[in-house]
Amino acid sequence: MMRMLKIRSQHHFSNMLASAIFSAAIGILYFSFDPSPADADPSDMAIMAMKPVPIPVIAYKPTNLSEPQQTMKRDGSTKQAPQQNGTLTGRMALLMNLLLLEKGCRHLETVPDYTTTFSKQEFVGGTLSENQVINLKCRHKPFSVYMKWVVGDKGQELLYVNGQNDNKMLVKMGGLKGRLVPTLKLDPTGSLAMQESRYPITKAGIMALAKEIIGYRKKDLDLDLNTECVMLPNQKFDGKDCYCFIAHFANAKESDIYRKSIIYIDQKTCLPIFVRGFGWPEDGIASASPEELDEKTLIESYSFTDINMQSELATSEFSKSNKNYRFRK
C-alpha cells in the first residue's frame, strides 16, 4: 500500500513539474515573440498611441476634362472662365505648383537637418502595402538618413550615410527577426533594397520628394502636355494651412505612371507635406466611380508630420555606433 502511495506521489510530482516547465516555456515564448524590441524607445510608443493623421477630404469636384475652360462673349470672342475663391486652373496652377516647390527647396537648403514623422503606403511588387509610420532623421550634407519604424515593420531601423559603410545602407530588422538576424548591408538601388520601396533611400526625405514633383511640373510646362491642374487655397492638413494641387493627366502616353496626383503644400514653408499618386486603371475598373477608382489605383501615399527643423542633430545621430541604435547587435 505504501509503495502504491509513493508511486502516486511521484507521478503527481512529475505532473506538477511538467506543468511548471510548460508554463515557463509559454512565458519564454510570450516574451520572445513580443513584437516590441527590448530596447524600444518610449517615444516610439507615444507616437504609436497617437491617432493616425486622417486623409484630408478635398472640397472640390473636378469638372469633366473635356469641358472648355473658356466662356463665349456676346461678340463671339472667348475669355478665360473666372476663378472662384482664389482657385487657379490650367497652366497657372501648374506654374504656381512649380514656383512654390522651388521656393520651399530654397528654404530647405538653408536647413542642415530635421526630424519628422514619415508615413508611407506604396504599390510594390503587385501589392499595395499597409500604411507604415516611421521616425525619420535627415541631414543634407553629407546626405544622411536614419529611420525607425513604429507602425508596420515595428522596431526596424535603417541607416544610410553618403560615403560611409561602403555606401551601403544598414538595415536592422525589428522584433524577433532583429534578434536572430545580424545587421544587413544592402546596395541602396539593389534588388533586395527595392523589394519594399518605390524609391531608393538616396531619394528619401522632403527635399527629394519636392524635387521629384518639380521635375514633373517642368515636363508638363515645357512640353505643354495636356495636364489638367487645379490649385485650391485655404485647405488643411495636420492642422496646417495648405494649398492643394490636383492634377489629372490626359493619357498613359503623356504620363505613363500617373493618372492623377494630389499634393498639399504648407503655405508657411512651401514644402509638400502630403502627396498621393494614382495609376491608370485596368479595363475592368475603368468605369468605376471616381472614389472607387482612386481606391483601386493608389500607387503611393506619403505624408510628413511633426516636422522639426530646429533639431540641430549631432553627428552621432547618423552613426551605427549610436548606443540607442541596434546596428552592432
Protein backbone atom coordinates (compact mmCIF):
# COMPACT_ATOMS: atom_id res chain seq x y z
CA MET A 1 0.00 0.00 0.00
CA MET A 2 2.80 2.39 0.95
CA ARG A 3 4.59 1.53 -2.28
CA MET A 4 1.48 2.48 -4.32
CA LEU A 5 1.13 5.80 -2.46
CA LYS A 6 4.78 6.55 -3.12
CA ILE A 7 4.33 5.82 -6.85
CA ARG A 8 1.24 8.07 -6.97
CA SER A 9 3.09 10.82 -5.15
CA GLN A 10 6.00 10.62 -7.60
CA HIS A 11 3.58 10.63 -10.51
CA HIS A 12 1.78 13.68 -9.09
CA PHE A 13 5.12 15.45 -8.58
CA SER A 14 6.14 14.66 -12.17
CA ASN A 15 2.89 16.13 -13.45
CA MET A 16 3.40 19.28 -11.40
CA LEU A 17 6.99 19.58 -12.65
CA ALA A 18 5.91 19.11 -16.27
CA SER A 19 3.18 21.69 -15.81
CA ALA A 20 5.65 24.16 -14.33
CA ILE A 21 8.12 23.59 -17.18
CA PHE A 22 5.32 24.02 -19.73
CA SER A 23 4.17 27.28 -18.09
CA ALA A 24 7.73 28.58 -18.03
CA ALA A 25 8.18 27.68 -21.68
CA ILE A 26 4.98 29.52 -22.61
CA GLY A 27 6.23 32.53 -20.69
CA ILE A 28 9.57 32.48 -22.50
CA LEU A 29 7.85 32.20 -25.86
CA TYR A 30 5.47 35.01 -24.98
CA PHE A 31 8.28 37.41 -24.16
CA SER A 32 10.48 36.21 -27.04
CA PHE A 33 7.78 36.89 -29.59
CA ASP A 34 6.91 40.33 -28.24
CA PRO A 35 6.97 42.49 -31.38
CA SER A 36 8.44 45.40 -29.40
CA PRO A 37 12.24 45.25 -29.22
CA ALA A 38 13.65 45.01 -25.73
CA ASP A 39 15.30 48.39 -26.19
CA ALA A 40 12.27 50.10 -27.68
CA ASP A 41 12.34 53.87 -27.39
CA PRO A 42 9.50 55.11 -25.14
CA SER A 43 8.93 57.98 -27.55
CA ASP A 44 8.10 55.44 -30.26
CA MET A 45 5.35 54.05 -28.08
CA ALA A 46 3.96 57.54 -27.61
CA ILE A 47 3.79 58.04 -31.35
CA MET A 48 2.07 54.69 -31.78
CA ALA A 49 -0.58 55.71 -29.30
CA MET A 50 -1.42 58.75 -31.38
CA LYS A 51 -4.28 58.60 -33.83
CA PRO A 52 -3.10 58.43 -37.44
CA VAL A 53 -3.30 61.69 -39.35
CA PRO A 54 -6.55 61.48 -41.32
CA ILE A 55 -6.51 61.71 -45.10
CA PRO A 56 -7.89 65.14 -45.95
CA VAL A 57 -11.28 65.44 -47.58
CA ILE A 58 -10.92 67.64 -50.65
CA ALA A 59 -13.74 70.12 -51.02
CA TYR A 60 -13.52 70.12 -54.79
CA LYS A 61 -15.15 68.11 -57.56
CA PRO A 62 -13.22 68.46 -60.83
CA THR A 63 -15.20 69.16 -63.95
CA ASN A 64 -15.13 66.85 -66.92
CA LEU A 65 -11.75 67.26 -68.57
CA SER A 66 -13.46 67.66 -71.91
CA GLU A 67 -15.36 70.73 -70.77
CA PRO A 68 -13.95 74.02 -72.11
CA GLN A 69 -12.12 76.28 -69.68
CA GLN A 70 -13.29 79.35 -71.59
CA THR A 71 -16.59 81.15 -71.94
CA MET A 72 -18.03 82.87 -75.02
CA LYS A 73 -18.55 86.61 -75.07
CA ARG A 74 -21.51 88.20 -76.87
CA ASP A 75 -19.25 89.40 -79.70
CA GLY A 76 -18.12 85.84 -80.36
CA SER A 77 -14.68 86.10 -78.73
CA THR A 78 -13.70 84.00 -75.74
CA LYS A 79 -12.43 84.76 -72.29
CA GLN A 80 -10.99 82.61 -69.53
CA ALA A 81 -13.63 81.37 -67.10
CA PRO A 82 -13.43 83.38 -63.86
CA GLN A 83 -11.64 81.82 -60.91
CA GLN A 84 -13.55 81.49 -57.66
CA ASN A 85 -12.22 81.85 -54.12
CA GLY A 86 -8.63 82.15 -55.32
CA THR A 87 -8.72 78.89 -57.26
CA LEU A 88 -6.27 78.57 -60.14
CA THR A 89 -6.57 76.16 -63.04
CA GLY A 90 -4.59 75.06 -66.10
CA ARG A 91 -1.06 76.32 -66.73
CA MET A 92 -1.36 78.94 -63.99
CA ALA A 93 -1.94 76.19 -61.43
CA LEU A 94 0.95 74.12 -62.82
CA LEU A 95 3.25 77.14 -62.72
CA MET A 96 2.21 78.05 -59.18
CA ASN A 97 2.84 74.45 -58.09
CA LEU A 98 6.35 74.66 -59.56
CA LEU A 99 7.18 78.08 -58.08
CA LEU A 100 6.00 77.17 -54.58
CA LEU A 101 8.05 73.97 -54.51
CA GLU A 102 11.15 75.73 -55.80
CA LYS A 103 10.73 78.30 -53.04
CA GLY A 104 10.35 75.50 -50.50
CA CYS A 105 13.55 73.82 -51.72
CA ARG A 106 15.49 77.08 -51.42
CA HIS A 107 14.29 77.37 -47.82
CA LEU A 108 15.14 73.76 -47.03
CA GLU A 109 18.67 74.20 -48.42
CA THR A 110 19.33 76.61 -45.53
CA VAL A 111 18.31 73.93 -43.01
CA PRO A 112 21.14 71.47 -42.16
CA ASP A 113 18.87 68.74 -40.80
CA TYR A 114 15.40 67.96 -39.50
CA THR A 115 13.28 65.28 -37.87
CA THR A 116 9.77 64.25 -38.86
CA THR A 117 7.18 61.51 -38.67
CA PHE A 118 7.01 59.97 -42.12
CA SER A 119 4.04 57.88 -43.23
CA LYS A 120 4.00 55.94 -46.47
CA GLN A 121 1.95 53.44 -48.42
CA GLU A 122 3.23 52.12 -51.75
CA PHE A 123 2.26 49.74 -54.54
CA VAL A 124 5.31 47.49 -54.89
CA GLY A 125 5.59 44.02 -56.39
CA GLY A 126 1.95 43.96 -57.43
CA THR A 127 0.63 44.72 -53.93
CA LEU A 128 -0.35 47.87 -52.05
CA SER A 129 1.44 47.86 -48.71
CA GLU A 130 -0.16 48.61 -45.38
CA ASN A 131 0.47 52.11 -44.05
CA GLN A 132 3.86 52.46 -42.39
CA VAL A 133 4.80 55.12 -39.85
CA ILE A 134 8.47 55.94 -39.43
CA ASN A 135 10.54 58.21 -37.20
CA LEU A 136 12.87 59.91 -39.68
CA LYS A 137 16.02 61.95 -39.17
CA CYS A 138 17.57 63.61 -42.22
CA ARG A 139 20.81 65.54 -42.73
CA HIS A 140 21.55 67.25 -46.03
CA LYS A 141 25.41 67.33 -46.04
CA PRO A 142 26.60 64.67 -46.26
CA PHE A 143 23.22 63.25 -47.16
CA SER A 144 22.22 61.02 -44.24
CA VAL A 145 19.03 59.26 -43.22
CA TYR A 146 18.05 57.34 -40.12
CA MET A 147 14.66 55.63 -39.93
CA LYS A 148 12.91 53.66 -37.24
CA TRP A 149 9.56 52.02 -37.89
CA VAL A 150 6.87 52.48 -35.25
CA VAL A 151 3.95 51.15 -37.32
CA GLY A 152 4.39 48.43 -39.91
CA ASP A 153 7.77 46.65 -39.51
CA LYS A 154 7.81 47.80 -35.91
CA GLY A 155 11.29 48.26 -34.49
CA GLN A 156 13.09 48.04 -37.84
CA GLU A 157 15.95 50.50 -38.23
CA LEU A 158 17.69 51.82 -41.34
CA LEU A 159 20.78 53.99 -41.63
CA TYR A 160 22.35 55.47 -44.74
CA VAL A 161 25.23 57.98 -44.83
CA ASN A 162 26.63 59.01 -48.18
CA GLY A 163 30.30 58.00 -48.36
CA GLN A 164 30.19 55.72 -45.31
CA ASN A 165 29.65 52.00 -44.74
CA ASP A 166 30.84 51.29 -48.29
CA ASN A 167 27.95 53.46 -49.50
CA LYS A 168 25.60 50.72 -48.34
CA MET A 169 22.51 51.15 -46.21
CA LEU A 170 22.39 49.32 -42.89
CA VAL A 171 19.16 47.55 -42.00
CA LYS A 172 18.33 46.01 -38.63
CA MET A 173 15.06 44.12 -38.65
CA GLY A 174 12.52 44.56 -35.88
CA GLY A 175 11.01 42.10 -33.43
CA LEU A 176 12.30 38.53 -33.17
CA LYS A 177 13.93 38.68 -36.60
CA GLY A 178 16.11 41.51 -35.38
CA ARG A 179 17.38 39.32 -32.55
CA LEU A 180 18.19 36.40 -34.82
CA VAL A 181 19.39 38.12 -37.99
CA PRO A 182 22.50 40.34 -37.95
CA THR A 183 22.57 43.83 -39.43
CA LEU A 184 22.25 43.74 -43.22
CA LYS A 185 24.39 45.84 -45.58
CA LEU A 186 22.46 46.46 -48.80
CA ASP A 187 23.07 48.32 -52.03
CA PRO A 188 20.53 51.21 -51.91
CA THR A 189 19.47 50.55 -55.51
CA GLY A 190 19.86 46.76 -55.44
CA SER A 191 17.00 44.32 -55.92
CA LEU A 192 16.79 43.40 -52.22
CA ALA A 193 16.58 47.03 -51.11
CA MET A 194 13.97 47.87 -53.74
CA GLN A 195 11.66 44.95 -52.96
CA GLU A 196 9.66 47.04 -50.49
CA SER A 197 10.05 50.59 -51.78
CA ARG A 198 9.33 52.56 -54.95
CA TYR A 199 12.34 54.82 -54.41
CA PRO A 200 15.86 54.17 -53.10
CA ILE A 201 16.93 55.54 -49.74
CA THR A 202 19.06 58.08 -51.62
CA LYS A 203 15.77 59.78 -52.56
CA ALA A 204 14.30 59.82 -49.06
CA GLY A 205 13.02 62.94 -47.35
CA ILE A 206 11.13 66.12 -48.10
CA MET A 207 13.71 67.67 -50.43
CA ALA A 208 13.82 64.64 -52.73
CA LEU A 209 10.02 64.48 -52.90
CA ALA A 210 9.79 68.18 -53.77
CA LYS A 211 12.42 67.84 -56.50
CA GLU A 212 10.65 64.80 -57.94
CA ILE A 213 7.43 66.79 -58.29
CA ILE A 214 9.32 69.78 -59.71
CA GLY A 215 10.65 67.52 -62.46
CA TYR A 216 7.11 66.51 -63.45
CA ARG A 217 5.84 70.09 -63.38
CA LYS A 218 8.67 71.27 -65.63
CA LYS A 219 7.86 68.49 -68.06
CA ASP A 220 4.17 69.45 -68.07
CA LEU A 221 5.00 73.09 -68.77
CA ASP A 222 7.93 72.70 -71.17
CA LEU A 223 6.22 70.11 -73.37
CA ASP A 224 2.82 71.76 -73.00
CA LEU A 225 1.30 68.44 -72.06
CA ASN A 226 -2.44 68.01 -71.76
CA THR A 227 -2.30 68.09 -67.96
CA GLU A 228 -5.36 69.46 -66.19
CA CYS A 229 -4.40 71.04 -62.87
CA VAL A 230 -6.31 72.99 -60.23
CA MET A 231 -4.97 74.82 -57.18
CA LEU A 232 -7.27 75.09 -54.18
CA PRO A 233 -6.38 77.62 -51.46
CA ASN A 234 -7.46 77.50 -47.83
CA GLN A 235 -7.04 73.76 -47.37
CA LYS A 236 -5.86 71.99 -44.22
CA PHE A 237 -3.58 69.06 -43.46
CA ASP A 238 -2.35 68.12 -40.00
CA GLY A 239 -3.64 71.47 -38.74
CA LYS A 240 -1.55 73.45 -41.24
CA ASP A 241 -2.86 75.91 -43.82
CA CYS A 242 -2.14 74.45 -47.24
CA TYR A 243 -2.53 74.86 -50.96
CA CYS A 244 -3.91 71.74 -52.57
CA PHE A 245 -2.99 70.86 -56.15
CA ILE A 246 -4.95 68.23 -58.06
CA ALA A 247 -3.55 67.16 -61.41
CA HIS A 248 -5.26 64.90 -63.96
CA PHE A 249 -3.13 63.55 -66.78
CA ALA A 250 -4.52 63.14 -70.29
CA ASN A 251 -3.41 59.61 -71.14
CA ALA A 252 -0.79 56.98 -70.49
CA LYS A 253 1.31 58.14 -73.46
CA GLU A 254 1.89 61.55 -71.87
CA SER A 255 2.12 60.19 -68.31
CA ASP A 256 2.98 56.50 -68.22
CA ILE A 257 2.93 56.29 -64.40
CA TYR A 258 0.33 58.72 -63.09
CA ARG A 259 -3.32 59.22 -63.91
CA LYS A 260 -3.84 61.70 -61.09
CA SER A 261 -1.91 63.31 -58.26
CA ILE A 262 -2.87 65.22 -55.11
CA ILE A 263 -0.30 67.48 -53.45
CA TYR A 264 -0.69 69.50 -50.25
CA ILE A 265 1.89 72.29 -49.84
CA ASP A 266 2.34 74.00 -46.49
CA GLN A 267 1.64 77.71 -47.02
CA LYS A 268 4.30 78.69 -44.47
CA THR A 269 7.24 76.57 -45.65
CA CYS A 270 6.14 75.88 -49.25
CA LEU A 271 7.07 72.22 -48.74
CA PRO A 272 4.99 69.19 -49.78
CA ILE A 273 3.61 67.53 -46.65
CA PHE A 274 1.00 65.21 -48.16
CA VAL A 275 1.21 63.57 -51.59
CA ARG A 276 -0.85 60.86 -53.27
CA GLY A 277 -0.36 59.38 -56.73
CA PHE A 278 -2.81 57.24 -58.69
CA GLY A 279 -2.08 54.97 -61.65
CA TRP A 280 -4.04 54.00 -64.71
CA PRO A 281 -6.94 51.57 -64.22
CA GLU A 282 -7.24 48.12 -65.67
CA ASP A 283 -10.05 47.55 -68.14
CA GLY A 284 -12.31 46.00 -65.52
CA ILE A 285 -12.45 49.10 -63.29
CA ALA A 286 -12.19 51.88 -65.87
CA SER A 287 -15.89 52.67 -65.44
CA ALA A 288 -15.82 52.75 -61.61
CA SER A 289 -16.88 55.81 -59.64
CA PRO A 290 -14.16 58.43 -59.01
CA GLU A 291 -13.86 57.39 -55.35
CA GLU A 292 -13.64 53.69 -56.16
CA LEU A 293 -11.21 54.37 -58.99
CA ASP A 294 -8.88 56.26 -56.65
CA GLU A 295 -9.09 53.48 -54.07
CA LYS A 296 -8.18 50.79 -56.60
CA THR A 297 -5.41 52.71 -58.39
CA LEU A 298 -3.47 54.23 -55.48
CA ILE A 299 0.23 53.61 -56.08
CA GLU A 300 1.84 55.88 -53.49
CA SER A 301 0.89 57.97 -50.49
CA TYR A 302 3.36 60.00 -48.41
CA SER A 303 2.98 62.43 -45.54
CA PHE A 304 5.32 64.37 -43.25
CA THR A 305 4.06 65.49 -39.85
CA ASP A 306 5.70 66.79 -36.66
CA ILE A 307 8.43 68.42 -38.76
CA ASN A 308 11.18 69.92 -36.59
CA MET A 309 13.79 71.99 -38.43
CA GLN A 310 15.37 73.32 -35.24
CA SER A 311 16.70 69.95 -34.11
CA GLU A 312 20.48 70.59 -34.58
CA LEU A 313 21.23 66.88 -34.79
CA ALA A 314 24.57 65.60 -33.53
CA THR A 315 26.86 63.55 -35.77
CA SER A 316 26.18 60.53 -33.55
CA GLU A 317 22.56 60.53 -34.73
CA PHE A 318 23.85 59.14 -38.03
CA SER A 319 26.39 56.69 -36.62
CA LYS A 320 25.99 52.93 -36.48
CA SER A 321 27.77 53.11 -33.11
CA ASN A 322 24.98 55.15 -31.53
CA LYS A 323 24.13 53.35 -28.30
CA ASN A 324 20.42 53.93 -28.88
CA TYR A 325 20.56 52.04 -32.20
CA ARG A 326 20.88 48.29 -32.67
CA PHE A 327 23.16 48.02 -35.71
CA ARG A 328 26.01 46.49 -33.68
CA LYS A 329 23.83 43.79 -32.13
